[in-house]
Amino acid sequence: MAIVADEKDWTWVLERRCPECGFVASEVPRAEIAPMTRANARAWAGILGGDPEWLRRRPRPDRWSPLEYSCHVRDVFGVMGERLQLMVTLDNPLFQNWDQDSTAVESRYEEQDPAVVAVELTAAGERLAADLDGVEGAAWQRPGVRSNGAHFTVETLGRYMLHDVVHHLFDVAPETATP
């Protein structure tokens, strides 16, 4: 069963609380972005150790399975890491469009091995967190632009990413998500 593509512009989460997951991106101190990224990756690794049948089951037609969300979060960490590198090395880079729904289909998220995904997700989260740990001073304000025209700084990109991965943890295991 195909998921209807999410075409919402989620950048509003940088300005106000998410009514679904409760996360308030604007209140995350920049010094907490990397530690929260690591904690989120660890939480996903724990999810991926769960019941294999549950991991592959979609709870509703408009929701991915926990395994599919885990694959997505792994890829979010990777894409955001690439964007972070562009932002700290280039002046105001334009990010290529990332079609997360096509990636899910092409990468066959639903068929991936949860144990492998856990290792990859943890590594991708750690790489991104380490790169965020290396950002200092004025570099937090370096800009970048998404292909749809949305403007980010390194700091707002980090907060935006955190909302995404926390929100998806809420989608699969609300009791483990941190608003």
N, C-alpha and C. Protein backbone atom coordinates (compact mmCIF):
# COMPACT_ATOMS: atom_id res chain seq x y z
N MET A 1 0.85 -1.17 0.00
CA MET A 1 0.00 0.00 0.00
C MET A 1 0.89 1.23 0.00
N ALA A 2 0.64 2.12 -0.92
CA ALA A 2 1.46 3.32 -1.08
C ALA A 2 1.02 4.40 -0.09
N ILE A 3 1.98 5.12 0.40
CA ILE A 3 1.73 6.27 1.28
C ILE A 3 1.53 7.49 0.39
N VAL A 4 0.55 8.29 0.72
CA VAL A 4 0.34 9.54 -0.01
C VAL A 4 1.49 10.47 0.36
N ALA A 5 2.11 11.06 -0.64
CA ALA A 5 3.26 11.93 -0.41
C ALA A 5 2.89 13.10 0.51
N ASP A 6 3.80 13.39 1.43
CA ASP A 6 3.62 14.52 2.34
C ASP A 6 4.21 15.74 1.66
N GLU A 7 3.37 16.62 1.21
CA GLU A 7 3.84 17.82 0.51
C GLU A 7 3.71 19.08 1.36
N LYS A 8 3.50 18.90 2.67
CA LYS A 8 3.40 20.06 3.56
C LYS A 8 4.77 20.71 3.71
N ASP A 9 4.76 22.00 3.92
CA ASP A 9 5.97 22.73 4.25
C ASP A 9 6.08 22.76 5.76
N TRP A 10 6.98 21.96 6.30
CA TRP A 10 7.11 21.81 7.74
C TRP A 10 8.01 22.86 8.38
N THR A 11 8.48 23.86 7.62
CA THR A 11 9.39 24.84 8.22
C THR A 11 8.73 25.66 9.32
N TRP A 12 7.42 25.66 9.39
CA TRP A 12 6.72 26.38 10.47
C TRP A 12 7.12 25.85 11.84
N VAL A 13 7.65 24.62 11.92
CA VAL A 13 8.04 24.07 13.22
C VAL A 13 9.19 24.84 13.84
N LEU A 14 9.85 25.67 13.04
CA LEU A 14 10.93 26.49 13.58
C LEU A 14 10.38 27.68 14.36
N GLU A 15 9.08 27.94 14.22
CA GLU A 15 8.48 29.11 14.86
C GLU A 15 7.50 28.78 15.98
N ARG A 16 6.94 27.58 15.96
CA ARG A 16 5.95 27.24 16.99
C ARG A 16 5.95 25.75 17.29
N ARG A 17 5.32 25.43 18.42
CA ARG A 17 5.22 24.05 18.89
C ARG A 17 4.47 23.19 17.87
N CYS A 18 4.96 21.97 17.68
CA CYS A 18 4.25 21.03 16.82
C CYS A 18 3.06 20.48 17.61
N PRO A 19 1.84 20.65 17.11
CA PRO A 19 0.67 20.19 17.87
C PRO A 19 0.56 18.66 17.93
N GLU A 20 1.23 17.96 17.04
CA GLU A 20 1.16 16.50 17.05
C GLU A 20 2.13 15.89 18.06
N CYS A 21 3.41 16.26 17.97
CA CYS A 21 4.41 15.61 18.83
C CYS A 21 4.80 16.46 20.03
N GLY A 22 4.45 17.74 20.03
CA GLY A 22 4.76 18.62 21.15
C GLY A 22 6.15 19.24 21.12
N PHE A 23 6.94 18.93 20.12
CA PHE A 23 8.31 19.44 20.05
C PHE A 23 8.31 20.94 19.76
N VAL A 24 9.19 21.67 20.44
CA VAL A 24 9.34 23.11 20.23
C VAL A 24 10.78 23.36 19.78
N ALA A 25 10.97 23.36 18.49
CA ALA A 25 12.31 23.47 17.92
C ALA A 25 13.01 24.76 18.35
N SER A 26 12.28 25.86 18.42
CA SER A 26 12.89 27.15 18.74
C SER A 26 13.46 27.20 20.14
N GLU A 27 13.06 26.29 21.01
CA GLU A 27 13.55 26.29 22.39
C GLU A 27 14.77 25.39 22.59
N VAL A 28 15.22 24.72 21.55
CA VAL A 28 16.38 23.84 21.68
C VAL A 28 17.65 24.69 21.61
N PRO A 29 18.43 24.72 22.69
CA PRO A 29 19.70 25.45 22.63
C PRO A 29 20.63 24.78 21.62
N ARG A 30 21.38 25.59 20.90
CA ARG A 30 22.26 25.00 19.87
C ARG A 30 23.21 23.98 20.47
N ALA A 31 23.61 24.16 21.71
CA ALA A 31 24.53 23.21 22.35
C ALA A 31 23.89 21.84 22.57
N GLU A 32 22.57 21.78 22.49
CA GLU A 32 21.86 20.51 22.70
C GLU A 32 21.52 19.78 21.41
N ILE A 33 21.75 20.40 20.26
CA ILE A 33 21.37 19.77 18.99
C ILE A 33 22.12 18.46 18.78
N ALA A 34 23.44 18.47 18.95
CA ALA A 34 24.23 17.24 18.76
C ALA A 34 23.87 16.17 19.80
N PRO A 35 23.82 16.50 21.11
CA PRO A 35 23.44 15.46 22.08
C PRO A 35 22.04 14.89 21.84
N MET A 36 21.11 15.74 21.43
CA MET A 36 19.76 15.25 21.16
C MET A 36 19.74 14.37 19.91
N THR A 37 20.60 14.67 18.95
CA THR A 37 20.72 13.82 17.76
C THR A 37 21.20 12.43 18.15
N ARG A 38 22.23 12.38 18.99
CA ARG A 38 22.74 11.08 19.46
C ARG A 38 21.67 10.31 20.24
N ALA A 39 20.98 11.00 21.12
CA ALA A 39 19.94 10.33 21.93
C ALA A 39 18.83 9.79 21.04
N ASN A 40 18.47 10.55 20.02
CA ASN A 40 17.43 10.09 19.11
C ASN A 40 17.88 8.85 18.36
N ALA A 41 19.12 8.85 17.88
CA ALA A 41 19.64 7.69 17.16
C ALA A 41 19.63 6.45 18.06
N ARG A 42 20.00 6.62 19.32
CA ARG A 42 19.97 5.48 20.26
C ARG A 42 18.55 4.98 20.46
N ALA A 43 17.59 5.89 20.54
CA ALA A 43 16.19 5.47 20.71
C ALA A 43 15.72 4.65 19.52
N TRP A 44 16.11 5.06 18.31
CA TRP A 44 15.72 4.30 17.12
C TRP A 44 16.36 2.93 17.11
N ALA A 45 17.61 2.84 17.55
CA ALA A 45 18.28 1.54 17.61
C ALA A 45 17.51 0.61 18.54
N GLY A 46 16.98 1.16 19.63
CA GLY A 46 16.16 0.36 20.54
C GLY A 46 14.87 -0.10 19.89
N ILE A 47 14.25 0.78 19.14
CA ILE A 47 13.01 0.44 18.41
C ILE A 47 13.28 -0.73 17.47
N LEU A 48 14.39 -0.66 16.76
CA LEU A 48 14.71 -1.67 15.74
C LEU A 48 15.00 -3.04 16.34
N GLY A 49 15.19 -3.11 17.63
CA GLY A 49 15.37 -4.40 18.30
C GLY A 49 14.05 -5.03 18.70
N GLY A 50 12.94 -4.40 18.32
CA GLY A 50 11.61 -4.87 18.71
C GLY A 50 11.11 -6.03 17.87
N ASP A 51 9.88 -6.39 18.12
CA ASP A 51 9.21 -7.49 17.44
C ASP A 51 9.26 -7.30 15.92
N PRO A 52 9.83 -8.25 15.18
CA PRO A 52 9.96 -8.10 13.73
C PRO A 52 8.63 -7.90 13.01
N GLU A 53 7.60 -8.55 13.49
CA GLU A 53 6.29 -8.39 12.85
C GLU A 53 5.77 -6.96 13.04
N TRP A 54 5.90 -6.46 14.26
CA TRP A 54 5.48 -5.08 14.56
C TRP A 54 6.29 -4.09 13.73
N LEU A 55 7.59 -4.32 13.59
CA LEU A 55 8.45 -3.40 12.86
C LEU A 55 8.01 -3.21 11.41
N ARG A 56 7.42 -4.24 10.83
CA ARG A 56 7.05 -4.20 9.41
C ARG A 56 5.58 -3.85 9.18
N ARG A 57 4.80 -3.69 10.24
CA ARG A 57 3.37 -3.44 10.11
C ARG A 57 3.07 -1.95 10.08
N ARG A 58 2.31 -1.53 9.08
CA ARG A 58 1.84 -0.15 9.03
C ARG A 58 0.59 -0.03 9.89
N PRO A 59 0.60 0.87 10.86
CA PRO A 59 -0.55 1.00 11.75
C PRO A 59 -1.80 1.59 11.08
N ARG A 60 -1.56 2.41 10.06
CA ARG A 60 -2.64 3.04 9.31
C ARG A 60 -2.18 3.21 7.87
N PRO A 61 -3.11 3.36 6.96
CA PRO A 61 -2.72 3.52 5.56
C PRO A 61 -1.83 4.74 5.29
N ASP A 62 -1.95 5.79 6.13
CA ASP A 62 -1.17 6.99 5.90
C ASP A 62 0.11 7.06 6.74
N ARG A 63 0.49 5.96 7.36
CA ARG A 63 1.69 5.92 8.21
C ARG A 63 2.61 4.79 7.75
N TRP A 64 3.90 5.10 7.75
CA TRP A 64 4.89 4.07 7.48
C TRP A 64 4.97 3.13 8.67
N SER A 65 5.56 1.99 8.46
CA SER A 65 5.85 1.05 9.54
C SER A 65 7.03 1.59 10.35
N PRO A 66 7.25 1.08 11.56
CA PRO A 66 8.43 1.50 12.32
C PRO A 66 9.74 1.27 11.55
N LEU A 67 9.83 0.18 10.80
CA LEU A 67 11.03 -0.06 10.01
C LEU A 67 11.19 1.00 8.93
N GLU A 68 10.11 1.34 8.24
CA GLU A 68 10.19 2.36 7.20
C GLU A 68 10.57 3.72 7.78
N TYR A 69 9.99 4.09 8.92
CA TYR A 69 10.37 5.34 9.56
C TYR A 69 11.84 5.30 9.97
N SER A 70 12.31 4.17 10.44
CA SER A 70 13.71 4.05 10.84
C SER A 70 14.64 4.27 9.65
N CYS A 71 14.29 3.69 8.52
CA CYS A 71 15.08 3.91 7.30
C CYS A 71 15.07 5.38 6.92
N HIS A 72 13.92 6.00 7.02
CA HIS A 72 13.79 7.42 6.71
C HIS A 72 14.68 8.25 7.64
N VAL A 73 14.65 7.97 8.93
CA VAL A 73 15.46 8.74 9.88
C VAL A 73 16.94 8.55 9.57
N ARG A 74 17.35 7.34 9.26
CA ARG A 74 18.75 7.09 8.86
C ARG A 74 19.11 8.01 7.69
N ASP A 75 18.21 8.08 6.71
CA ASP A 75 18.47 8.89 5.52
C ASP A 75 18.38 10.39 5.82
N VAL A 76 17.50 10.78 6.74
CA VAL A 76 17.45 12.19 7.16
C VAL A 76 18.80 12.59 7.75
N PHE A 77 19.34 11.75 8.63
CA PHE A 77 20.65 12.05 9.22
C PHE A 77 21.70 12.24 8.12
N GLY A 78 21.67 11.38 7.11
CA GLY A 78 22.64 11.48 6.01
C GLY A 78 22.45 12.73 5.18
N VAL A 79 21.22 13.01 4.78
CA VAL A 79 20.94 14.19 3.95
C VAL A 79 21.27 15.46 4.72
N MET A 80 20.89 15.53 5.99
CA MET A 80 21.18 16.73 6.77
C MET A 80 22.68 16.89 7.00
N GLY A 81 23.38 15.78 7.12
CA GLY A 81 24.84 15.84 7.23
C GLY A 81 25.46 16.42 5.98
N GLU A 82 24.97 16.00 4.82
CA GLU A 82 25.46 16.55 3.54
C GLU A 82 25.17 18.04 3.46
N ARG A 83 23.98 18.43 3.86
CA ARG A 83 23.61 19.85 3.81
C ARG A 83 24.45 20.67 4.78
N LEU A 84 24.70 20.13 5.94
CA LEU A 84 25.54 20.82 6.92
C LEU A 84 26.93 21.05 6.33
N GLN A 85 27.50 20.03 5.70
CA GLN A 85 28.83 20.18 5.10
C GLN A 85 28.83 21.27 4.01
N LEU A 86 27.77 21.30 3.21
CA LEU A 86 27.67 22.35 2.20
C LEU A 86 27.63 23.73 2.85
N MET A 87 26.87 23.85 3.92
CA MET A 87 26.69 25.14 4.57
C MET A 87 27.98 25.66 5.20
N VAL A 88 28.79 24.77 5.75
CA VAL A 88 30.01 25.23 6.40
C VAL A 88 31.18 25.38 5.44
N THR A 89 31.02 24.90 4.20
CA THR A 89 32.12 25.01 3.24
C THR A 89 31.82 25.93 2.07
N LEU A 90 30.56 26.16 1.76
CA LEU A 90 30.18 27.01 0.64
C LEU A 90 29.37 28.20 1.13
N ASP A 91 29.37 29.26 0.34
CA ASP A 91 28.56 30.42 0.68
C ASP A 91 27.14 30.24 0.16
N ASN A 92 26.19 30.20 1.07
CA ASN A 92 24.76 30.13 0.76
C ASN A 92 24.41 29.07 -0.30
N PRO A 93 24.74 27.80 -0.03
CA PRO A 93 24.48 26.76 -1.03
C PRO A 93 22.98 26.52 -1.25
N LEU A 94 22.67 26.04 -2.44
CA LEU A 94 21.31 25.62 -2.77
C LEU A 94 21.29 24.11 -2.67
N PHE A 95 20.39 23.59 -1.84
CA PHE A 95 20.28 22.15 -1.64
C PHE A 95 19.44 21.53 -2.75
N GLN A 96 19.90 20.43 -3.27
CA GLN A 96 19.12 19.68 -4.24
C GLN A 96 17.86 19.15 -3.56
N ASN A 97 16.80 19.01 -4.32
CA ASN A 97 15.57 18.44 -3.79
C ASN A 97 15.82 17.00 -3.36
N TRP A 98 15.25 16.63 -2.24
CA TRP A 98 15.29 15.24 -1.78
C TRP A 98 13.85 14.76 -1.69
N ASP A 99 13.50 13.83 -2.55
CA ASP A 99 12.15 13.27 -2.54
C ASP A 99 12.15 12.05 -1.62
N GLN A 100 11.73 12.27 -0.40
CA GLN A 100 11.77 11.20 0.60
C GLN A 100 10.86 10.04 0.26
N ASP A 101 9.76 10.33 -0.40
CA ASP A 101 8.82 9.26 -0.76
C ASP A 101 9.40 8.38 -1.86
N SER A 102 10.03 8.98 -2.85
CA SER A 102 10.69 8.19 -3.90
C SER A 102 11.84 7.37 -3.32
N THR A 103 12.58 7.98 -2.39
CA THR A 103 13.68 7.27 -1.75
C THR A 103 13.17 6.03 -1.03
N ALA A 104 12.04 6.17 -0.35
CA ALA A 104 11.46 5.03 0.38
C ALA A 104 11.13 3.88 -0.57
N VAL A 105 10.57 4.21 -1.71
CA VAL A 105 10.19 3.19 -2.69
C VAL A 105 11.43 2.59 -3.34
N GLU A 106 12.30 3.46 -3.84
CA GLU A 106 13.49 3.00 -4.55
C GLU A 106 14.43 2.19 -3.66
N SER A 107 14.52 2.58 -2.40
CA SER A 107 15.41 1.88 -1.47
C SER A 107 14.74 0.69 -0.79
N ARG A 108 13.45 0.49 -1.12
CA ARG A 108 12.70 -0.63 -0.56
C ARG A 108 12.80 -0.70 0.97
N TYR A 109 12.43 0.42 1.58
CA TYR A 109 12.49 0.51 3.03
C TYR A 109 11.84 -0.69 3.72
N GLU A 110 10.69 -1.11 3.19
CA GLU A 110 9.93 -2.17 3.85
C GLU A 110 10.63 -3.52 3.83
N GLU A 111 11.64 -3.68 2.97
CA GLU A 111 12.34 -4.96 2.85
C GLU A 111 13.69 -4.98 3.57
N GLN A 112 14.09 -3.88 4.16
CA GLN A 112 15.42 -3.81 4.75
C GLN A 112 15.51 -4.60 6.05
N ASP A 113 16.71 -5.00 6.39
CA ASP A 113 16.99 -5.78 7.59
C ASP A 113 17.09 -4.83 8.79
N PRO A 114 16.21 -4.98 9.78
CA PRO A 114 16.23 -4.06 10.93
C PRO A 114 17.58 -3.99 11.65
N ALA A 115 18.30 -5.10 11.74
CA ALA A 115 19.60 -5.08 12.41
C ALA A 115 20.61 -4.23 11.64
N VAL A 116 20.58 -4.33 10.33
CA VAL A 116 21.47 -3.52 9.50
C VAL A 116 21.07 -2.05 9.59
N VAL A 117 19.78 -1.78 9.53
CA VAL A 117 19.29 -0.40 9.62
C VAL A 117 19.71 0.21 10.96
N ALA A 118 19.64 -0.57 12.04
CA ALA A 118 20.03 -0.05 13.36
C ALA A 118 21.48 0.40 13.35
N VAL A 119 22.36 -0.39 12.77
CA VAL A 119 23.79 -0.03 12.71
C VAL A 119 23.98 1.21 11.84
N GLU A 120 23.33 1.22 10.68
CA GLU A 120 23.48 2.36 9.76
C GLU A 120 22.90 3.64 10.35
N LEU A 121 21.74 3.55 10.98
CA LEU A 121 21.09 4.71 11.57
C LEU A 121 21.95 5.28 12.71
N THR A 122 22.46 4.41 13.56
CA THR A 122 23.30 4.85 14.67
C THR A 122 24.55 5.55 14.14
N ALA A 123 25.18 4.96 13.13
CA ALA A 123 26.38 5.55 12.55
C ALA A 123 26.08 6.90 11.89
N ALA A 124 24.97 6.99 11.17
CA ALA A 124 24.61 8.25 10.51
C ALA A 124 24.29 9.33 11.54
N GLY A 125 23.59 8.95 12.61
CA GLY A 125 23.30 9.91 13.68
C GLY A 125 24.56 10.38 14.37
N GLU A 126 25.49 9.47 14.60
CA GLU A 126 26.75 9.84 15.24
C GLU A 126 27.58 10.75 14.34
N ARG A 127 27.64 10.45 13.04
CA ARG A 127 28.39 11.31 12.10
C ARG A 127 27.83 12.72 12.11
N LEU A 128 26.49 12.82 12.03
CA LEU A 128 25.86 14.13 12.03
C LEU A 128 26.12 14.85 13.35
N ALA A 129 25.98 14.16 14.46
CA ALA A 129 26.22 14.77 15.76
C ALA A 129 27.67 15.24 15.89
N ALA A 130 28.62 14.45 15.42
CA ALA A 130 30.03 14.83 15.48
C ALA A 130 30.27 16.08 14.63
N ASP A 131 29.65 16.13 13.45
CA ASP A 131 29.79 17.32 12.61
C ASP A 131 29.17 18.54 13.29
N LEU A 132 28.04 18.36 13.94
CA LEU A 132 27.41 19.46 14.67
C LEU A 132 28.28 19.90 15.85
N ASP A 133 28.92 18.95 16.51
CA ASP A 133 29.85 19.30 17.60
C ASP A 133 30.97 20.21 17.11
N GLY A 134 31.33 20.08 15.84
CA GLY A 134 32.42 20.88 15.29
C GLY A 134 32.04 22.28 14.86
N VAL A 135 30.75 22.60 14.89
CA VAL A 135 30.31 23.94 14.49
C VAL A 135 30.56 24.90 15.66
N GLU A 136 31.19 26.02 15.35
CA GLU A 136 31.51 26.99 16.40
C GLU A 136 31.14 28.40 15.99
N GLY A 137 30.82 29.21 16.98
CA GLY A 137 30.64 30.65 16.79
C GLY A 137 29.73 31.04 15.65
N ALA A 138 30.24 31.91 14.79
CA ALA A 138 29.46 32.48 13.69
C ALA A 138 29.05 31.43 12.65
N ALA A 139 29.72 30.27 12.65
CA ALA A 139 29.36 29.23 11.68
C ALA A 139 27.93 28.74 11.88
N TRP A 140 27.38 28.89 13.08
CA TRP A 140 25.99 28.49 13.32
C TRP A 140 25.01 29.32 12.49
N GLN A 141 25.44 30.48 12.04
CA GLN A 141 24.55 31.37 11.27
C GLN A 141 24.80 31.30 9.76
N ARG A 142 25.68 30.40 9.34
CA ARG A 142 25.92 30.26 7.89
C ARG A 142 24.64 29.79 7.22
N PRO A 143 24.29 30.40 6.07
CA PRO A 143 23.02 30.10 5.42
C PRO A 143 23.08 29.01 4.36
N GLY A 144 21.90 28.50 4.05
CA GLY A 144 21.69 27.58 2.95
C GLY A 144 20.24 27.69 2.53
N VAL A 145 19.93 27.28 1.29
CA VAL A 145 18.58 27.41 0.76
C VAL A 145 18.13 26.08 0.19
N ARG A 146 16.96 25.65 0.61
CA ARG A 146 16.37 24.43 0.08
C ARG A 146 15.81 24.71 -1.31
N SER A 147 15.67 23.69 -2.12
CA SER A 147 15.24 23.86 -3.51
C SER A 147 13.88 24.53 -3.64
N ASN A 148 13.06 24.49 -2.59
CA ASN A 148 11.75 25.16 -2.65
C ASN A 148 11.82 26.61 -2.17
N GLY A 149 13.03 27.10 -1.89
CA GLY A 149 13.21 28.48 -1.47
C GLY A 149 13.28 28.70 0.03
N ALA A 150 13.08 27.67 0.83
CA ALA A 150 13.16 27.82 2.29
C ALA A 150 14.61 28.11 2.69
N HIS A 151 14.78 29.13 3.52
CA HIS A 151 16.11 29.54 3.98
C HIS A 151 16.38 28.95 5.36
N PHE A 152 17.60 28.48 5.55
CA PHE A 152 18.03 27.93 6.83
C PHE A 152 19.39 28.52 7.19
N THR A 153 19.68 28.49 8.48
CA THR A 153 21.04 28.65 8.97
C THR A 153 21.45 27.27 9.47
N VAL A 154 22.72 27.10 9.79
CA VAL A 154 23.15 25.82 10.36
C VAL A 154 22.31 25.52 11.60
N GLU A 155 22.08 26.53 12.42
CA GLU A 155 21.32 26.35 13.65
C GLU A 155 19.87 25.94 13.37
N THR A 156 19.21 26.63 12.45
CA THR A 156 17.81 26.27 12.18
C THR A 156 17.71 24.94 11.44
N LEU A 157 18.69 24.60 10.62
CA LEU A 157 18.70 23.29 9.98
C LEU A 157 18.78 22.19 11.04
N GLY A 158 19.62 22.40 12.05
CA GLY A 158 19.73 21.42 13.13
C GLY A 158 18.43 21.27 13.89
N ARG A 159 17.79 22.37 14.19
CA ARG A 159 16.51 22.31 14.90
C ARG A 159 15.41 21.68 14.04
N TYR A 160 15.40 22.01 12.77
CA TYR A 160 14.43 21.43 11.83
C TYR A 160 14.60 19.91 11.75
N MET A 161 15.85 19.47 11.63
CA MET A 161 16.16 18.05 11.59
C MET A 161 15.69 17.36 12.87
N LEU A 162 15.97 17.99 14.01
CA LEU A 162 15.55 17.38 15.28
C LEU A 162 14.05 17.19 15.33
N HIS A 163 13.30 18.19 14.89
CA HIS A 163 11.85 18.01 14.90
C HIS A 163 11.46 16.79 14.07
N ASP A 164 12.05 16.66 12.90
CA ASP A 164 11.71 15.56 12.00
C ASP A 164 11.92 14.21 12.69
N VAL A 165 13.10 14.02 13.26
CA VAL A 165 13.40 12.70 13.83
C VAL A 165 12.65 12.45 15.14
N VAL A 166 12.43 13.49 15.92
CA VAL A 166 11.62 13.34 17.14
C VAL A 166 10.16 13.07 16.77
N HIS A 167 9.67 13.77 15.77
CA HIS A 167 8.28 13.59 15.35
C HIS A 167 8.05 12.16 14.88
N HIS A 168 8.98 11.62 14.13
CA HIS A 168 8.80 10.25 13.64
C HIS A 168 8.93 9.23 14.76
N LEU A 169 9.75 9.52 15.75
CA LEU A 169 9.80 8.64 16.92
C LEU A 169 8.45 8.67 17.63
N PHE A 170 7.84 9.83 17.68
CA PHE A 170 6.50 9.96 18.25
C PHE A 170 5.49 9.16 17.42
N ASP A 171 5.66 9.18 16.09
CA ASP A 171 4.76 8.41 15.21
C ASP A 171 4.76 6.93 15.55
N VAL A 172 5.93 6.39 15.91
CA VAL A 172 6.01 4.94 16.14
C VAL A 172 5.98 4.54 17.61
N ALA A 173 6.46 5.41 18.48
CA ALA A 173 6.53 5.08 19.91
C ALA A 173 6.42 6.35 20.74
N PRO A 174 5.21 6.88 20.88
CA PRO A 174 5.05 8.17 21.56
C PRO A 174 5.67 8.22 22.94
N GLU A 175 5.73 7.10 23.62
CA GLU A 175 6.27 7.09 24.98
C GLU A 175 7.78 7.32 25.02
N THR A 176 8.48 7.13 23.89
CA THR A 176 9.93 7.32 23.88
C THR A 176 10.34 8.65 23.29
N ALA A 177 9.44 9.36 22.63
CA ALA A 177 9.77 10.64 22.01
C ALA A 177 9.93 11.70 23.09
N THR A 178 10.80 12.67 22.82
CA THR A 178 11.04 13.74 23.78
C THR A 178 10.52 15.05 23.21
N PRO A 179 9.39 15.55 23.71
CA PRO A 179 8.89 16.84 23.20
C PRO A 179 9.75 18.00 23.67
